[in-house]
Amino acid sequence: MKRVLTFFGAPGVMLARTVRAGMREGIPWRETLAQVHELGGRSVWLVTSGMAFFGAVLVMIANAQAKKLIGNVAVLGPAYFEMLVRELGPAVSALLTASRAGASHSAELATMSVNEQVEALEMSAGDPYADLVAPRVVAGLVGVPLLSVLGTVAATASAVLVASVALDI
């Protein structure tokens, strides 16, 4: 039971410490802007290209299913767009962003931990949660919705292109 509580409680404790440190000491905005660039600027090509392929494949699958089940593909556009904007676009964009940025952030923080930079920050009266974690959390709160919108636009554009050129819809 203790391991289950530790597994599910550790992210909550980390989030609480991050929010408390950010409110108590303030968020270093220069580092936050650098992390927004790291998360958003470097993930934009992965998200747009991944979502473009996702949109193209999804419209082809939806077209085949609509022909089989309904026989009329005229209803495909609005239903496809609603599904993409409400559900799949944000989820897939967030997964693509998390895969790239998560690997980058964890490698950076692990390297800092191995080089004992985190301990040096604590020894110099710095708070690792305020200086290292809070800027990354704020960058995620800013960058992921923007990347989600951009990814959904890329998926919609590729779906329109495939539907009009390849599927003659």
N, C-alpha and C. Protein backbone atom coordinates (compact mmCIF):
# COMPACT_ATOMS: atom_id res chain seq x y z
N MET A 1 0.82 -1.19 0.00
CA MET A 1 0.00 0.00 0.00
C MET A 1 0.87 1.26 0.00
N LYS A 2 1.99 1.19 0.72
CA LYS A 2 2.88 2.34 0.79
C LYS A 2 3.47 2.65 -0.58
N ARG A 3 3.80 1.60 -1.35
CA ARG A 3 4.37 1.82 -2.67
C ARG A 3 3.35 2.44 -3.62
N VAL A 4 2.10 2.05 -3.49
CA VAL A 4 1.05 2.61 -4.34
C VAL A 4 0.87 4.09 -4.02
N LEU A 5 0.82 4.43 -2.73
CA LEU A 5 0.69 5.83 -2.34
C LEU A 5 1.91 6.64 -2.78
N THR A 6 3.09 6.05 -2.67
CA THR A 6 4.30 6.74 -3.11
C THR A 6 4.27 6.96 -4.61
N PHE A 7 3.83 5.95 -5.36
CA PHE A 7 3.80 6.05 -6.82
C PHE A 7 2.84 7.15 -7.28
N PHE A 8 1.66 7.18 -6.70
CA PHE A 8 0.67 8.18 -7.12
C PHE A 8 0.82 9.50 -6.38
N GLY A 9 1.40 9.49 -5.20
CA GLY A 9 1.52 10.71 -4.43
C GLY A 9 2.74 11.55 -4.76
N ALA A 10 3.79 10.93 -5.28
CA ALA A 10 5.02 11.66 -5.57
C ALA A 10 4.82 12.78 -6.60
N PRO A 11 4.10 12.56 -7.71
CA PRO A 11 3.86 13.69 -8.62
C PRO A 11 3.05 14.82 -7.98
N GLY A 12 2.11 14.47 -7.11
CA GLY A 12 1.34 15.50 -6.41
C GLY A 12 2.19 16.30 -5.46
N VAL A 13 3.08 15.62 -4.75
CA VAL A 13 3.99 16.32 -3.83
C VAL A 13 4.92 17.23 -4.62
N MET A 14 5.43 16.74 -5.76
CA MET A 14 6.32 17.56 -6.58
C MET A 14 5.59 18.79 -7.11
N LEU A 15 4.36 18.61 -7.56
CA LEU A 15 3.59 19.75 -8.06
C LEU A 15 3.32 20.76 -6.95
N ALA A 16 2.98 20.28 -5.76
CA ALA A 16 2.73 21.18 -4.63
C ALA A 16 3.99 21.95 -4.26
N ARG A 17 5.13 21.27 -4.24
CA ARG A 17 6.39 21.97 -3.92
C ARG A 17 6.76 22.98 -4.99
N THR A 18 6.47 22.65 -6.25
CA THR A 18 6.77 23.57 -7.34
C THR A 18 5.90 24.81 -7.26
N VAL A 19 4.61 24.63 -7.02
CA VAL A 19 3.71 25.79 -6.91
C VAL A 19 4.09 26.64 -5.71
N ARG A 20 4.37 25.99 -4.58
CA ARG A 20 4.75 26.74 -3.38
C ARG A 20 6.05 27.51 -3.61
N ALA A 21 7.04 26.87 -4.23
CA ALA A 21 8.31 27.56 -4.48
C ALA A 21 8.14 28.70 -5.47
N GLY A 22 7.31 28.49 -6.49
CA GLY A 22 7.08 29.55 -7.47
C GLY A 22 6.36 30.74 -6.88
N MET A 23 5.44 30.49 -5.96
CA MET A 23 4.71 31.58 -5.33
C MET A 23 5.55 32.28 -4.27
N ARG A 24 6.38 31.52 -3.58
CA ARG A 24 7.17 32.10 -2.50
C ARG A 24 8.35 32.91 -3.04
N GLU A 25 9.06 32.35 -3.99
CA GLU A 25 10.27 33.01 -4.47
C GLU A 25 10.09 33.70 -5.81
N GLY A 26 8.98 33.49 -6.45
CA GLY A 26 8.77 34.05 -7.77
C GLY A 26 9.38 33.15 -8.84
N ILE A 27 8.91 33.33 -10.03
CA ILE A 27 9.39 32.50 -11.13
C ILE A 27 10.43 33.30 -11.91
N PRO A 28 11.60 32.73 -12.15
CA PRO A 28 12.61 33.44 -12.96
C PRO A 28 12.17 33.50 -14.42
N TRP A 29 11.72 34.68 -14.84
CA TRP A 29 11.10 34.80 -16.16
C TRP A 29 12.09 34.63 -17.30
N ARG A 30 13.33 34.99 -17.10
CA ARG A 30 14.32 34.79 -18.16
C ARG A 30 14.50 33.30 -18.45
N GLU A 31 14.60 32.52 -17.39
CA GLU A 31 14.72 31.07 -17.55
C GLU A 31 13.43 30.48 -18.10
N THR A 32 12.30 31.04 -17.71
CA THR A 32 11.02 30.55 -18.22
C THR A 32 10.90 30.78 -19.72
N LEU A 33 11.33 31.95 -20.19
CA LEU A 33 11.31 32.22 -21.63
C LEU A 33 12.25 31.29 -22.38
N ALA A 34 13.40 31.01 -21.79
CA ALA A 34 14.32 30.05 -22.41
C ALA A 34 13.69 28.66 -22.48
N GLN A 35 12.95 28.29 -21.45
CA GLN A 35 12.30 26.97 -21.45
C GLN A 35 11.10 26.94 -22.40
N VAL A 36 10.42 28.06 -22.58
CA VAL A 36 9.34 28.12 -23.59
C VAL A 36 9.93 27.89 -24.97
N HIS A 37 11.08 28.50 -25.24
CA HIS A 37 11.75 28.27 -26.52
C HIS A 37 12.20 26.82 -26.64
N GLU A 38 12.74 26.28 -25.57
CA GLU A 38 13.20 24.89 -25.58
C GLU A 38 12.03 23.94 -25.83
N LEU A 39 10.93 24.16 -25.15
CA LEU A 39 9.78 23.27 -25.29
C LEU A 39 9.02 23.54 -26.58
N GLY A 40 8.69 24.78 -26.83
CA GLY A 40 7.85 25.10 -27.97
C GLY A 40 8.60 25.23 -29.27
N GLY A 41 9.66 26.02 -29.26
CA GLY A 41 10.39 26.29 -30.49
C GLY A 41 11.06 25.07 -31.08
N ARG A 42 11.54 24.21 -30.23
CA ARG A 42 12.22 23.01 -30.73
C ARG A 42 11.27 21.85 -30.98
N SER A 43 10.04 21.96 -30.52
CA SER A 43 9.06 20.89 -30.75
C SER A 43 8.14 21.19 -31.92
N VAL A 44 8.21 22.39 -32.47
CA VAL A 44 7.23 22.80 -33.47
C VAL A 44 7.31 21.93 -34.72
N TRP A 45 8.50 21.57 -35.17
CA TRP A 45 8.61 20.76 -36.39
C TRP A 45 8.14 19.34 -36.15
N LEU A 46 8.44 18.79 -35.00
CA LEU A 46 7.96 17.45 -34.69
C LEU A 46 6.44 17.41 -34.61
N VAL A 47 5.86 18.38 -33.94
CA VAL A 47 4.40 18.40 -33.76
C VAL A 47 3.70 18.65 -35.09
N THR A 48 4.16 19.62 -35.88
CA THR A 48 3.47 19.92 -37.13
C THR A 48 3.60 18.78 -38.14
N SER A 49 4.79 18.22 -38.27
CA SER A 49 4.93 17.12 -39.23
C SER A 49 4.21 15.87 -38.75
N GLY A 50 4.31 15.56 -37.47
CA GLY A 50 3.59 14.40 -36.94
C GLY A 50 2.09 14.54 -37.06
N MET A 51 1.58 15.72 -36.75
CA MET A 51 0.14 15.94 -36.84
C MET A 51 -0.33 16.00 -38.30
N ALA A 52 0.52 16.46 -39.21
CA ALA A 52 0.14 16.47 -40.62
C ALA A 52 -0.04 15.04 -41.13
N PHE A 53 0.89 14.17 -40.80
CA PHE A 53 0.74 12.76 -41.19
C PHE A 53 -0.46 12.13 -40.49
N PHE A 54 -0.65 12.47 -39.23
CA PHE A 54 -1.78 11.95 -38.47
C PHE A 54 -3.10 12.36 -39.12
N GLY A 55 -3.21 13.62 -39.51
CA GLY A 55 -4.44 14.10 -40.14
C GLY A 55 -4.70 13.44 -41.48
N ALA A 56 -3.63 13.23 -42.27
CA ALA A 56 -3.80 12.59 -43.57
C ALA A 56 -4.25 11.14 -43.43
N VAL A 57 -3.63 10.42 -42.53
CA VAL A 57 -4.01 9.02 -42.33
C VAL A 57 -5.41 8.92 -41.73
N LEU A 58 -5.72 9.79 -40.81
CA LEU A 58 -7.03 9.74 -40.15
C LEU A 58 -8.16 10.01 -41.14
N VAL A 59 -7.98 10.94 -42.07
CA VAL A 59 -9.05 11.22 -43.03
C VAL A 59 -9.20 10.07 -44.02
N MET A 60 -8.12 9.38 -44.34
CA MET A 60 -8.24 8.21 -45.22
C MET A 60 -8.99 7.08 -44.52
N ILE A 61 -8.69 6.85 -43.26
CA ILE A 61 -9.39 5.80 -42.50
C ILE A 61 -10.85 6.18 -42.30
N ALA A 62 -11.11 7.44 -41.97
CA ALA A 62 -12.49 7.89 -41.77
C ALA A 62 -13.28 7.80 -43.07
N ASN A 63 -12.65 8.07 -44.20
CA ASN A 63 -13.32 7.96 -45.49
C ASN A 63 -13.71 6.51 -45.77
N ALA A 64 -12.80 5.59 -45.54
CA ALA A 64 -13.11 4.17 -45.77
C ALA A 64 -14.23 3.70 -44.86
N GLN A 65 -14.20 4.10 -43.61
CA GLN A 65 -15.24 3.68 -42.67
C GLN A 65 -16.59 4.32 -43.01
N ALA A 66 -16.58 5.57 -43.42
CA ALA A 66 -17.84 6.24 -43.77
C ALA A 66 -18.47 5.61 -45.01
N LYS A 67 -17.64 5.22 -45.97
CA LYS A 67 -18.18 4.56 -47.16
C LYS A 67 -18.79 3.21 -46.81
N LYS A 68 -18.13 2.49 -45.90
CA LYS A 68 -18.64 1.17 -45.50
C LYS A 68 -19.92 1.27 -44.68
N LEU A 69 -19.92 2.13 -43.69
CA LEU A 69 -21.03 2.17 -42.73
C LEU A 69 -22.21 3.00 -43.22
N ILE A 70 -21.92 4.17 -43.76
CA ILE A 70 -22.99 5.10 -44.10
C ILE A 70 -23.26 5.12 -45.61
N GLY A 71 -22.19 5.05 -46.38
CA GLY A 71 -22.33 5.15 -47.82
C GLY A 71 -22.25 6.58 -48.31
N ASN A 72 -22.30 7.53 -47.42
CA ASN A 72 -22.26 8.95 -47.77
C ASN A 72 -21.09 9.59 -47.03
N VAL A 73 -20.14 10.12 -47.79
CA VAL A 73 -18.97 10.73 -47.16
C VAL A 73 -19.14 12.24 -46.97
N ALA A 74 -20.31 12.76 -47.28
CA ALA A 74 -20.56 14.20 -47.12
C ALA A 74 -20.56 14.62 -45.66
N VAL A 75 -20.90 13.70 -44.77
CA VAL A 75 -20.93 14.01 -43.34
C VAL A 75 -19.55 13.90 -42.70
N LEU A 76 -18.58 13.51 -43.47
CA LEU A 76 -17.24 13.26 -42.94
C LEU A 76 -16.56 14.53 -42.45
N GLY A 77 -16.68 15.63 -43.16
CA GLY A 77 -15.95 16.85 -42.83
C GLY A 77 -16.24 17.42 -41.45
N PRO A 78 -17.49 17.74 -41.15
CA PRO A 78 -17.78 18.31 -39.83
C PRO A 78 -17.47 17.37 -38.67
N ALA A 79 -17.78 16.09 -38.84
CA ALA A 79 -17.51 15.14 -37.76
C ALA A 79 -16.00 14.97 -37.55
N TYR A 80 -15.26 14.92 -38.66
CA TYR A 80 -13.81 14.79 -38.58
C TYR A 80 -13.20 16.01 -37.88
N PHE A 81 -13.64 17.20 -38.28
CA PHE A 81 -13.09 18.42 -37.70
C PHE A 81 -13.40 18.51 -36.21
N GLU A 82 -14.62 18.17 -35.83
CA GLU A 82 -14.99 18.21 -34.41
C GLU A 82 -14.16 17.22 -33.60
N MET A 83 -13.98 16.01 -34.13
CA MET A 83 -13.19 15.00 -33.43
C MET A 83 -11.74 15.44 -33.30
N LEU A 84 -11.22 16.05 -34.35
CA LEU A 84 -9.82 16.48 -34.32
C LEU A 84 -9.60 17.64 -33.36
N VAL A 85 -10.49 18.61 -33.39
CA VAL A 85 -10.31 19.80 -32.55
C VAL A 85 -10.57 19.50 -31.07
N ARG A 86 -11.59 18.72 -30.79
CA ARG A 86 -11.96 18.48 -29.39
C ARG A 86 -11.12 17.42 -28.71
N GLU A 87 -10.79 16.34 -29.41
CA GLU A 87 -10.21 15.20 -28.72
C GLU A 87 -8.82 14.84 -29.21
N LEU A 88 -8.71 14.44 -30.46
CA LEU A 88 -7.46 13.85 -30.91
C LEU A 88 -6.34 14.85 -31.13
N GLY A 89 -6.65 16.04 -31.61
CA GLY A 89 -5.61 17.03 -31.85
C GLY A 89 -4.83 17.40 -30.60
N PRO A 90 -5.51 17.83 -29.54
CA PRO A 90 -4.77 18.16 -28.32
C PRO A 90 -4.05 16.96 -27.70
N ALA A 91 -4.67 15.80 -27.74
CA ALA A 91 -4.04 14.62 -27.11
C ALA A 91 -2.78 14.20 -27.84
N VAL A 92 -2.85 14.09 -29.16
CA VAL A 92 -1.68 13.65 -29.92
C VAL A 92 -0.60 14.72 -29.91
N SER A 93 -0.98 15.99 -30.00
CA SER A 93 0.01 17.07 -29.92
C SER A 93 0.73 17.06 -28.58
N ALA A 94 -0.02 16.87 -27.51
CA ALA A 94 0.59 16.82 -26.18
C ALA A 94 1.51 15.62 -26.04
N LEU A 95 1.13 14.48 -26.60
CA LEU A 95 2.01 13.31 -26.55
C LEU A 95 3.30 13.54 -27.33
N LEU A 96 3.19 14.14 -28.51
CA LEU A 96 4.40 14.43 -29.29
C LEU A 96 5.30 15.43 -28.56
N THR A 97 4.69 16.45 -27.98
CA THR A 97 5.47 17.44 -27.24
C THR A 97 6.11 16.82 -26.01
N ALA A 98 5.35 16.02 -25.29
CA ALA A 98 5.88 15.39 -24.08
C ALA A 98 7.02 14.44 -24.39
N SER A 99 6.94 13.75 -25.51
CA SER A 99 8.02 12.82 -25.84
C SER A 99 9.32 13.56 -26.12
N ARG A 100 9.25 14.66 -26.87
CA ARG A 100 10.47 15.39 -27.19
C ARG A 100 10.97 16.21 -26.01
N ALA A 101 10.10 16.99 -25.43
CA ALA A 101 10.52 17.88 -24.35
C ALA A 101 10.80 17.10 -23.07
N GLY A 102 10.04 16.06 -22.81
CA GLY A 102 10.28 15.26 -21.61
C GLY A 102 11.64 14.61 -21.61
N ALA A 103 12.03 14.08 -22.77
CA ALA A 103 13.36 13.47 -22.87
C ALA A 103 14.45 14.53 -22.70
N SER A 104 14.23 15.69 -23.28
CA SER A 104 15.22 16.77 -23.17
C SER A 104 15.35 17.27 -21.73
N HIS A 105 14.22 17.52 -21.08
CA HIS A 105 14.26 18.02 -19.71
C HIS A 105 14.83 17.00 -18.74
N SER A 106 14.45 15.75 -18.90
CA SER A 106 14.97 14.74 -17.97
C SER A 106 16.46 14.53 -18.17
N ALA A 107 16.94 14.58 -19.41
CA ALA A 107 18.37 14.45 -19.64
C ALA A 107 19.13 15.64 -19.07
N GLU A 108 18.59 16.83 -19.23
CA GLU A 108 19.25 18.03 -18.71
C GLU A 108 19.31 18.01 -17.18
N LEU A 109 18.19 17.67 -16.54
CA LEU A 109 18.17 17.64 -15.08
C LEU A 109 19.01 16.48 -14.53
N ALA A 110 19.05 15.36 -15.23
CA ALA A 110 19.88 14.24 -14.79
C ALA A 110 21.36 14.60 -14.89
N THR A 111 21.74 15.29 -15.95
CA THR A 111 23.13 15.72 -16.09
C THR A 111 23.49 16.71 -14.99
N MET A 112 22.58 17.62 -14.67
CA MET A 112 22.84 18.56 -13.59
C MET A 112 22.97 17.84 -12.25
N SER A 113 22.18 16.80 -12.06
CA SER A 113 22.26 16.04 -10.81
C SER A 113 23.57 15.26 -10.72
N VAL A 114 23.99 14.67 -11.83
CA VAL A 114 25.25 13.91 -11.83
C VAL A 114 26.43 14.84 -11.59
N ASN A 115 26.39 16.02 -12.18
CA ASN A 115 27.48 16.99 -11.99
C ASN A 115 27.37 17.74 -10.67
N GLU A 116 26.41 17.38 -9.85
CA GLU A 116 26.17 17.96 -8.53
C GLU A 116 25.84 19.45 -8.58
N GLN A 117 25.26 19.88 -9.69
CA GLN A 117 24.85 21.28 -9.80
C GLN A 117 23.59 21.55 -8.97
N VAL A 118 22.73 20.55 -8.84
CA VAL A 118 21.53 20.72 -8.03
C VAL A 118 21.91 20.89 -6.56
N GLU A 119 22.86 20.07 -6.11
CA GLU A 119 23.33 20.19 -4.72
C GLU A 119 24.02 21.53 -4.49
N ALA A 120 24.77 22.00 -5.48
CA ALA A 120 25.43 23.30 -5.36
C ALA A 120 24.39 24.42 -5.27
N LEU A 121 23.30 24.28 -6.01
CA LEU A 121 22.23 25.27 -5.94
C LEU A 121 21.59 25.28 -4.55
N GLU A 122 21.39 24.10 -3.98
CA GLU A 122 20.83 24.02 -2.63
C GLU A 122 21.79 24.60 -1.60
N MET A 123 23.08 24.36 -1.77
CA MET A 123 24.08 24.88 -0.83
C MET A 123 24.19 26.40 -0.88
N SER A 124 23.89 26.99 -2.02
CA SER A 124 23.96 28.44 -2.13
C SER A 124 22.61 29.09 -1.85
N ALA A 125 21.77 28.39 -1.08
CA ALA A 125 20.46 28.88 -0.63
C ALA A 125 19.47 29.06 -1.77
N GLY A 126 19.67 28.34 -2.85
CA GLY A 126 18.70 28.36 -3.94
C GLY A 126 17.71 27.22 -3.79
N ASP A 127 16.58 27.37 -4.38
CA ASP A 127 15.56 26.33 -4.34
C ASP A 127 15.47 25.68 -5.73
N PRO A 128 15.82 24.40 -5.85
CA PRO A 128 15.76 23.75 -7.16
C PRO A 128 14.36 23.75 -7.77
N TYR A 129 13.35 23.70 -6.92
CA TYR A 129 11.98 23.72 -7.46
C TYR A 129 11.65 25.07 -8.07
N ALA A 130 12.09 26.15 -7.43
CA ALA A 130 11.81 27.49 -7.97
C ALA A 130 12.69 27.80 -9.17
N ASP A 131 13.93 27.35 -9.15
CA ASP A 131 14.87 27.72 -10.21
C ASP A 131 14.88 26.76 -11.39
N LEU A 132 14.58 25.49 -11.16
CA LEU A 132 14.70 24.50 -12.22
C LEU A 132 13.35 23.93 -12.67
N VAL A 133 12.48 23.64 -11.73
CA VAL A 133 11.23 22.95 -12.08
C VAL A 133 10.13 23.93 -12.46
N ALA A 134 9.96 25.00 -11.70
CA ALA A 134 8.86 25.94 -11.97
C ALA A 134 8.93 26.56 -13.37
N PRO A 135 10.11 26.98 -13.86
CA PRO A 135 10.13 27.50 -15.24
C PRO A 135 9.71 26.47 -16.28
N ARG A 136 10.04 25.22 -16.06
CA ARG A 136 9.64 24.18 -17.01
C ARG A 136 8.14 23.91 -16.96
N VAL A 137 7.57 23.98 -15.77
CA VAL A 137 6.12 23.78 -15.64
C VAL A 137 5.37 24.93 -16.30
N VAL A 138 5.81 26.16 -16.07
CA VAL A 138 5.16 27.32 -16.70
C VAL A 138 5.33 27.26 -18.22
N ALA A 139 6.51 26.85 -18.68
CA ALA A 139 6.73 26.71 -20.12
C ALA A 139 5.80 25.67 -20.72
N GLY A 140 5.56 24.60 -19.99
CA GLY A 140 4.61 23.59 -20.46
C GLY A 140 3.19 24.12 -20.51
N LEU A 141 2.82 24.91 -19.50
CA LEU A 141 1.47 25.48 -19.48
C LEU A 141 1.25 26.48 -20.61
N VAL A 142 2.32 27.13 -21.05
CA VAL A 142 2.21 28.10 -22.15
C VAL A 142 2.38 27.40 -23.50
N GLY A 143 3.38 26.54 -23.60
CA GLY A 143 3.76 25.98 -24.89
C GLY A 143 2.86 24.88 -25.42
N VAL A 144 2.38 24.01 -24.56
CA VAL A 144 1.60 22.86 -25.04
C VAL A 144 0.28 23.29 -25.69
N PRO A 145 -0.50 24.22 -25.13
CA PRO A 145 -1.71 24.64 -25.84
C PRO A 145 -1.43 25.31 -27.19
N LEU A 146 -0.35 26.09 -27.26
CA LEU A 146 -0.01 26.71 -28.54
C LEU A 146 0.39 25.66 -29.57
N LEU A 147 1.18 24.68 -29.14
CA LEU A 147 1.56 23.61 -30.05
C LEU A 147 0.36 22.75 -30.44
N SER A 148 -0.58 22.62 -29.54
CA SER A 148 -1.80 21.87 -29.84
C SER A 148 -2.60 22.56 -30.94
N VAL A 149 -2.73 23.86 -30.85
CA VAL A 149 -3.44 24.61 -31.89
C VAL A 149 -2.70 24.50 -33.22
N LEU A 150 -1.39 24.66 -33.19
CA LEU A 150 -0.60 24.57 -34.41
C LEU A 150 -0.68 23.17 -35.01
N GLY A 151 -0.61 22.15 -34.18
CA GLY A 151 -0.71 20.78 -34.66
C GLY A 151 -2.08 20.47 -35.24
N THR A 152 -3.13 20.99 -34.63
CA THR A 152 -4.48 20.78 -35.15
C THR A 152 -4.66 21.47 -36.50
N VAL A 153 -4.07 22.64 -36.66
CA VAL A 153 -4.12 23.33 -37.95
C VAL A 153 -3.38 22.52 -39.01
N ALA A 154 -2.22 21.98 -38.67
CA ALA A 154 -1.45 21.16 -39.62
C ALA A 154 -2.22 19.90 -39.99
N ALA A 155 -2.85 19.26 -39.01
CA ALA A 155 -3.62 18.05 -39.29
C ALA A 155 -4.83 18.35 -40.16
N THR A 156 -5.48 19.47 -39.90
CA THR A 156 -6.64 19.85 -40.70
C THR A 156 -6.23 20.18 -42.13
N ALA A 157 -5.13 20.91 -42.29
CA ALA A 157 -4.66 21.27 -43.63
C ALA A 157 -4.28 20.03 -44.43
N SER A 158 -3.58 19.10 -43.80
CA SER A 158 -3.21 17.89 -44.53
C SER A 158 -4.43 17.03 -44.84
N ALA A 159 -5.40 17.01 -43.94
CA ALA A 159 -6.62 16.25 -44.19
C ALA A 159 -7.41 16.84 -45.35
N VAL A 160 -7.49 18.16 -45.41
CA VAL A 160 -8.19 18.82 -46.52
C VAL A 160 -7.47 18.53 -47.83
N LEU A 161 -6.15 18.56 -47.81
CA LEU A 161 -5.37 18.28 -49.01
C LEU A 161 -5.59 16.84 -49.48
N VAL A 162 -5.50 15.89 -48.57
CA VAL A 162 -5.70 14.48 -48.94
C VAL A 162 -7.13 14.24 -49.39
N ALA A 163 -8.10 14.83 -48.69
CA ALA A 163 -9.50 14.61 -49.05
C ALA A 163 -9.83 15.19 -50.42
N SER A 164 -9.26 16.33 -50.75
CA SER A 164 -9.59 16.95 -52.03
C SER A 164 -8.78 16.38 -53.19
N VAL A 165 -7.52 16.04 -52.97
CA VAL A 165 -6.67 15.57 -54.06
C VAL A 165 -6.78 14.05 -54.24
N ALA A 166 -6.59 13.31 -53.17
CA ALA A 166 -6.53 11.85 -53.30
C ALA A 166 -7.90 11.19 -53.23
N LEU A 167 -8.81 11.72 -52.45
CA LEU A 167 -10.09 11.05 -52.25
C LEU A 167 -11.25 11.68 -53.02
N ASP A 168 -11.03 12.81 -53.65
CA ASP A 168 -12.07 13.53 -54.41
C ASP A 168 -13.34 13.77 -53.60
N ILE A 169 -13.16 14.26 -52.40
CA ILE A 169 -14.33 14.58 -51.56
C ILE A 169 -14.60 16.06 -51.68
